[in-house]
PDB file of N, CA and C in Angstrom:
ATOM      1  N   UNK A   1      -2.581 -51.267   7.158  1.00  0.00           N
ATOM      2  CA  UNK A   1      -2.883 -50.847   6.436  1.00  0.00           C
ATOM      3  C   UNK A   1      -1.792 -51.819   5.543  1.00  0.00           C
ATOM      4  N   UNK A   2      -2.464 -51.368   4.694  1.00  0.00           N
ATOM      5  CA  UNK A   2      -1.579 -52.126   3.279  1.00  0.00           C
ATOM      6  C   UNK A   2      -0.443 -51.564   2.562  1.00  0.00           C
ATOM      7  N   UNK A   3       0.163 -52.030   1.509  1.00  0.00           N
ATOM      8  CA  UNK A   3       0.699 -51.148   0.711  1.00  0.00           C
ATOM      9  C   UNK A   3       0.250 -50.018   0.030  1.00  0.00           C
ATOM     10  N   UNK A   4      -0.968 -49.996  -0.202  1.00  0.00           N
ATOM     11  CA  UNK A   4      -1.800 -49.260  -1.337  1.00  0.00           C
ATOM     12  C   UNK A   4      -1.585 -47.836  -0.110  1.00  0.00           C
ATOM     13  N   UNK A   5      -2.441 -47.880   1.084  1.00  0.00           N
ATOM     14  CA  UNK A   5      -2.508 -46.821   2.063  1.00  0.00           C
ATOM     15  C   UNK A   5      -1.205 -46.184   2.133  1.00  0.00           C
ATOM     16  N   UNK A   6      -0.055 -46.506   2.026  1.00  0.00           N
ATOM     17  CA  UNK A   6       0.890 -46.357   2.656  1.00  0.00           C
ATOM     18  C   UNK A   6       1.617 -45.561   0.825  1.00  0.00           C
ATOM     19  N   UNK A   7       1.328 -46.361  -0.134  1.00  0.00           N
ATOM     20  CA  UNK A   7       1.413 -45.402  -1.400  1.00  0.00           C
ATOM     21  C   UNK A   7       0.422 -43.980  -1.247  1.00  0.00           C
ATOM     22  N   UNK A   8      -0.352 -44.406  -1.167  1.00  0.00           N
ATOM     23  CA  UNK A   8      -1.886 -43.026  -0.908  1.00  0.00           C
ATOM     24  C   UNK A   8      -0.976 -41.831  -0.014  1.00  0.00           C
ATOM     25  N   UNK A   9      -0.659 -42.141   1.050  1.00  0.00           N
ATOM     26  CA  UNK A   9      -0.321 -41.460   2.030  1.00  0.00           C
ATOM     27  C   UNK A   9       1.200 -40.480   1.567  1.00  0.00           C
ATOM     28  N   UNK A  10       2.299 -41.632   1.207  1.00  0.00           N
ATOM     29  CA  UNK A  10       2.928 -41.103   0.413  1.00  0.00           C
ATOM     30  C   UNK A  10       3.333 -40.022  -0.479  1.00  0.00           C
ATOM     31  N   UNK A  11       2.216 -40.303  -1.447  1.00  0.00           N
ATOM     32  CA  UNK A  11       1.356 -39.204  -2.630  1.00  0.00           C
ATOM     33  C   UNK A  11       1.232 -38.375  -1.809  1.00  0.00           C
ATOM     34  N   UNK A  12       0.356 -38.180  -1.303  1.00  0.00           N
ATOM     35  CA  UNK A  12      -0.179 -36.708  -0.538  1.00  0.00           C
ATOM     36  C   UNK A  12       0.865 -35.724   0.687  1.00  0.00           C
ATOM     37  N   UNK A  13       1.781 -36.608   0.946  1.00  0.00           N
ATOM     38  CA  UNK A  13       2.788 -36.193   1.472  1.00  0.00           C
ATOM     39  C   UNK A  13       3.599 -35.534   0.349  1.00  0.00           C
ATOM     40  N   UNK A  14       4.015 -36.057  -0.774  1.00  0.00           N
ATOM     41  CA  UNK A  14       4.967 -36.005  -1.506  1.00  0.00           C
ATOM     42  C   UNK A  14       4.275 -34.108  -2.261  1.00  0.00           C
ATOM     43  N   UNK A  15       2.873 -34.440  -2.688  1.00  0.00           N
ATOM     44  CA  UNK A  15       2.392 -33.408  -3.631  1.00  0.00           C
ATOM     45  C   UNK A  15       2.660 -32.382  -2.482  1.00  0.00           C
ATOM     46  N   UNK A  16       1.935 -32.073  -0.973  1.00  0.00           N
ATOM     47  CA  UNK A  16       2.249 -31.278  -0.378  1.00  0.00           C
ATOM     48  C   UNK A  16       3.856 -31.104  -0.026  1.00  0.00           C
ATOM     49  N   UNK A  17       4.780 -31.664  -0.502  1.00  0.00           N
ATOM     50  CA  UNK A  17       6.045 -30.940   0.195  1.00  0.00           C
ATOM     51  C   UNK A  17       6.396 -30.132  -1.249  1.00  0.00           C
ATOM     52  N   UNK A  18       5.999 -30.704  -2.475  1.00  0.00           N
ATOM     53  CA  UNK A  18       6.256 -29.890  -3.915  1.00  0.00           C
ATOM     54  C   UNK A  18       5.693 -28.752  -3.789  1.00  0.00           C
ATOM     55  N   UNK A  19       4.515 -28.458  -3.092  1.00  0.00           N
ATOM     56  CA  UNK A  19       3.666 -27.427  -3.393  1.00  0.00           C
ATOM     57  C   UNK A  19       4.086 -26.150  -2.353  1.00  0.00           C
ATOM     58  N   UNK A  20       4.315 -26.864  -1.213  1.00  0.00           N
ATOM     59  CA  UNK A  20       4.736 -25.773  -0.212  1.00  0.00           C
ATOM     60  C   UNK A  20       6.644 -25.256  -0.592  1.00  0.00           C
ATOM     61  N   UNK A  21       7.355 -26.013  -1.457  1.00  0.00           N
ATOM     62  CA  UNK A  21       8.525 -25.753  -1.934  1.00  0.00           C
ATOM     63  C   UNK A  21       7.961 -25.007  -3.223  1.00  0.00           C
ATOM     64  N   UNK A  22       7.471 -25.177  -4.144  1.00  0.00           N
ATOM     65  CA  UNK A  22       6.890 -24.084  -5.371  1.00  0.00           C
ATOM     66  C   UNK A  22       6.637 -22.853  -4.723  1.00  0.00           C
ATOM     67  N   UNK A  23       5.597 -22.682  -3.600  1.00  0.00           N
ATOM     68  CA  UNK A  23       5.397 -21.732  -2.883  1.00  0.00           C
ATOM     69  C   UNK A  23       6.515 -21.109  -2.039  1.00  0.00           C
ATOM     70  N   UNK A  24       7.170 -21.820  -1.769  1.00  0.00           N
ATOM     71  CA  UNK A  24       8.099 -20.986  -0.913  1.00  0.00           C
ATOM     72  C   UNK A  24       9.358 -20.372  -2.139  1.00  0.00           C
ATOM     73  N   UNK A  25       9.415 -20.979  -3.109  1.00  0.00           N
ATOM     74  CA  UNK A  25      10.288 -20.281  -4.220  1.00  0.00           C
ATOM     75  C   UNK A  25      10.187 -19.478  -4.474  1.00  0.00           C
ATOM     76  N   UNK A  26       8.617 -19.030  -4.938  1.00  0.00           N
ATOM     77  CA  UNK A  26       8.256 -18.098  -5.800  1.00  0.00           C
ATOM     78  C   UNK A  26       7.547 -17.033  -4.885  1.00  0.00           C
ATOM     79  N   UNK A  27       8.276 -17.094  -3.863  1.00  0.00           N
ATOM     80  CA  UNK A  27       7.756 -15.716  -2.827  1.00  0.00           C
ATOM     81  C   UNK A  27       8.662 -15.016  -2.876  1.00  0.00           C
ATOM     82  N   UNK A  28       8.041 -13.513  -2.812  1.00  0.00           N
ATOM     83  CA  UNK A  28       8.672 -12.432  -3.009  1.00  0.00           C
ATOM     84  C   UNK A  28       9.825 -11.999  -2.154  1.00  0.00           C
ATOM     85  N   UNK A  29       9.845 -12.616  -1.160  1.00  0.00           N
ATOM     86  CA  UNK A  29      11.573 -12.704   0.125  1.00  0.00           C
ATOM     87  C   UNK A  29      12.733 -13.496  -0.647  1.00  0.00           C
ATOM     88  N   UNK A  30      12.152 -14.442  -1.859  1.00  0.00           N
ATOM     89  CA  UNK A  30      13.399 -14.741  -2.644  1.00  0.00           C
ATOM     90  C   UNK A  30      13.804 -14.252  -3.221  1.00  0.00           C
ATOM     91  N   UNK A  31      13.395 -13.003  -4.587  1.00  0.00           N
ATOM     92  CA  UNK A  31      13.098 -12.168  -5.828  1.00  0.00           C
ATOM     93  C   UNK A  31      14.775 -11.955  -5.559  1.00  0.00           C
ATOM     94  N   UNK A  32      14.850 -11.289  -4.513  1.00  0.00           N
ATOM     95  CA  UNK A  32      16.334 -10.610  -3.855  1.00  0.00           C
ATOM     96  C   UNK A  32      17.802 -11.527  -4.575  1.00  0.00           C
ATOM     97  N   UNK A  33      17.447 -12.849  -3.989  1.00  0.00           N
ATOM     98  CA  UNK A  33      18.476 -13.765  -3.676  1.00  0.00           C
ATOM     99  C   UNK A  33      18.293 -14.055  -4.843  1.00  0.00           C
ATOM    100  N   UNK A  34      17.443 -14.238  -6.035  1.00  0.00           N
ATOM    101  CA  UNK A  34      17.297 -14.839  -7.093  1.00  0.00           C
ATOM    102  C   UNK A  34      18.206 -13.942  -7.908  1.00  0.00           C
ATOM    103  N   UNK A  35      17.687 -12.490  -7.801  1.00  0.00           N
ATOM    104  CA  UNK A  35      18.115 -11.754  -8.986  1.00  0.00           C
ATOM    105  C   UNK A  35      19.683 -11.976  -8.777  1.00  0.00           C
ATOM    106  N   UNK A  36      20.632 -11.788  -7.644  1.00  0.00           N
ATOM    107  CA  UNK A  36      21.780 -11.957  -7.511  1.00  0.00           C
ATOM    108  C   UNK A  36      22.262 -13.199  -7.861  1.00  0.00           C
ATOM    109  N   UNK A  37      21.707 -14.423  -7.630  1.00  0.00           N
ATOM    110  CA  UNK A  37      22.112 -15.773  -8.281  1.00  0.00           C
ATOM    111  C   UNK A  37      21.873 -15.779  -9.765  1.00  0.00           C
ATOM    112  N   UNK A  38      20.902 -14.861 -10.663  1.00  0.00           N
ATOM    113  CA  UNK A  38      20.798 -14.679 -11.867  1.00  0.00           C
ATOM    114  C   UNK A  38      21.818 -14.053 -12.675  1.00  0.00           C
ATOM    115  N   UNK A  39      22.804 -13.267 -11.643  1.00  0.00           N
ATOM    116  CA  UNK A  39      23.620 -12.134 -12.420  1.00  0.00           C
ATOM    117  C   UNK A  39      25.228 -12.641 -11.709  1.00  0.00           C
ATOM    118  N   UNK A  40      25.152 -13.389 -11.317  1.00  0.00           N
ATOM    119  CA  UNK A  40      26.818 -14.109 -11.049  1.00  0.00           C
ATOM    120  C   UNK A  40      27.707 -14.649 -12.366  1.00  0.00           C
ATOM    121  N   UNK A  41      27.089 -14.970 -13.879  1.00  0.00           N
ATOM    122  CA  UNK A  41      27.739 -15.807 -14.779  1.00  0.00           C
ATOM    123  C   UNK A  41      28.089 -13.961 -15.321  1.00  0.00           C
ATOM    124  N   UNK A  42      27.596 -13.224 -15.006  1.00  0.00           N
ATOM    125  CA  UNK A  42      28.192 -11.853 -15.955  1.00  0.00           C
ATOM    126  C   UNK A  42      28.701 -11.050 -14.318  1.00  0.00           C
ATOM    127  N   UNK A  43      29.337 -11.330 -13.338  1.00  0.00           N
ATOM    128  CA  UNK A  43      30.451 -10.566 -12.565  1.00  0.00           C
ATOM    129  C   UNK A  43      31.243 -11.184 -12.552  1.00  0.00           C
ATOM    130  N   UNK A  44      31.420 -12.422 -12.765  1.00  0.00           N
ATOM    131  CA  UNK A  44      32.874 -13.457 -13.254  1.00  0.00           C
ATOM    132  C   UNK A  44      33.425 -13.090 -13.920  1.00  0.00           C
ATOM    133  N   UNK A  45      32.353 -12.404 -15.038  1.00  0.00           N
ATOM    134  CA  UNK A  45      32.831 -12.077 -16.890  1.00  0.00           C
ATOM    135  C   UNK A  45      33.434 -10.767 -16.711  1.00  0.00           C
ATOM    136  N   UNK A  46      32.569  -9.868 -15.615  1.00  0.00           N
ATOM    137  CA  UNK A  46      33.520  -9.036 -14.860  1.00  0.00           C
ATOM    138  C   UNK A  46      35.064  -8.571 -14.581  1.00  0.00           C
ATOM    139  N   UNK A  47      34.919  -9.624 -13.464  1.00  0.00           N
ATOM    140  CA  UNK A  47      36.440  -9.867 -12.672  1.00  0.00           C
ATOM    141  C   UNK A  47      37.295 -10.122 -13.672  1.00  0.00           C
ATOM    142  N   UNK A  48      37.160 -11.084 -14.544  1.00  0.00           N
ATOM    143  CA  UNK A  48      38.189 -11.743 -15.812  1.00  0.00           C
ATOM    144  C   UNK A  48      38.234 -10.102 -16.665  1.00  0.00           C
ATOM    145  N   UNK A  49      37.935  -9.656 -16.966  1.00  0.00           N
ATOM    146  CA  UNK A  49      37.940  -8.463 -18.122  1.00  0.00           C
ATOM    147  C   UNK A  49      38.514  -8.171 -17.166  1.00  0.00           C
ATOM    148  N   UNK A  50      38.282  -7.232 -16.380  1.00  0.00           N
ATOM    149  CA  UNK A  50      39.706  -6.513 -14.979  1.00  0.00           C
ATOM    150  C   UNK A  50      40.926  -7.104 -15.156  1.00  0.00           C
ATOM    151  N   UNK A  51      40.997  -8.114 -14.249  1.00  0.00           N
ATOM    152  CA  UNK A  51      42.223  -8.742 -14.079  1.00  0.00           C
ATOM    153  C   UNK A  51      42.967  -8.888 -15.609  1.00  0.00           C
ATOM    154  N   UNK A  52      42.334  -8.950 -16.532  1.00  0.00           N
ATOM    155  CA  UNK A  52      42.962  -8.754 -18.282  1.00  0.00           C
ATOM    156  C   UNK A  52      43.333  -7.572 -17.917  1.00  0.00           C
ATOM    157  N   UNK A  53      42.803  -6.429 -18.188  1.00  0.00           N
ATOM    158  CA  UNK A  53      43.212  -5.086 -18.440  1.00  0.00           C
ATOM    159  C   UNK A  53      44.189  -4.701 -17.500  1.00  0.00           C
ATOM    160  N   UNK A  54      44.215  -5.317 -16.280  1.00  0.00           N
ATOM    161  CA  UNK A  54      45.513  -5.074 -14.845  1.00  0.00           C
ATOM    162  C   UNK A  54      46.892  -5.707 -15.809  1.00  0.00           C
ATOM    163  N   UNK A  55      46.541  -7.306 -16.181  1.00  0.00           N
ATOM    164  CA  UNK A  55      47.612  -7.546 -16.941  1.00  0.00           C
ATOM    165  C   UNK A  55      48.420  -7.356 -17.682  1.00  0.00           C
ATOM    166  N   UNK A  56      47.517  -6.078 -18.659  1.00  0.00           N
ATOM    167  CA  UNK A  56      47.911  -5.576 -20.156  1.00  0.00           C
ATOM    168  C   UNK A  56      48.260  -4.671 -19.540  1.00  0.00           C
ATOM    169  N   UNK A  57      47.828  -3.502 -18.214  1.00  0.00           N
ATOM    170  CA  UNK A  57      48.475  -2.915 -18.366  1.00  0.00           C
ATOM    171  C   UNK A  57      49.903  -2.953 -17.377  1.00  0.00           C
ATOM    172  N   UNK A  58      49.967  -4.217 -16.667  1.00  0.00           N
ATOM    173  CA  UNK A  58      50.985  -4.230 -16.266  1.00  0.00           C
ATOM    174  C   UNK A  58      52.414  -4.656 -17.075  1.00  0.00           C
ATOM    175  N   UNK A  59      52.189  -5.355 -18.286  1.00  0.00           N
ATOM    176  CA  UNK A  59      52.635  -5.514 -19.509  1.00  0.00           C
ATOM    177  C   UNK A  59      53.644  -4.302 -20.504  1.00  0.00           C
ATOM    178  N   UNK A  60      52.371  -3.372 -20.294  1.00  0.00           N
ATOM    179  CA  UNK A  60      52.815  -2.286 -20.881  1.00  0.00           C
ATOM    180  C   UNK A  60      53.718  -1.502 -20.093  1.00  0.00           C
ATOM    181  N   UNK A  61      53.955  -1.878 -18.684  1.00  0.00           N
ATOM    182  CA  UNK A  61      54.735  -0.640 -17.850  1.00  0.00           C
ATOM    183  C   UNK A  61      55.686  -1.147 -18.035  1.00  0.00           C
ATOM    184  N   UNK A  62      55.695  -2.928 -17.504  1.00  0.00           N
ATOM    185  CA  UNK A  62      57.128  -2.644 -17.601  1.00  0.00           C
ATOM    186  C   UNK A  62      58.164  -2.801 -18.900  1.00  0.00           C
ATOM    187  N   UNK A  63      57.843  -2.505 -19.884  1.00  0.00           N
ATOM    188  CA  UNK A  63      58.578  -2.761 -21.417  1.00  0.00           C
ATOM    189  C   UNK A  63      59.185  -1.288 -21.098  1.00  0.00           C
TER     190      UNK A  63
END
């Protein structure tokens, strides 16, 4: 076996790994996890707004 055989084998192996990863990522089993991950930035914004509102309420009660 020379270097060209190894290059061919590695190309086929990487193509199979890529296709398997692509199928795994697009499976319907992963949809719920991806939807939750997609909404993470918005959840952080809600928590920030709630904490800011609580700080405002505390400062107005302290006066």
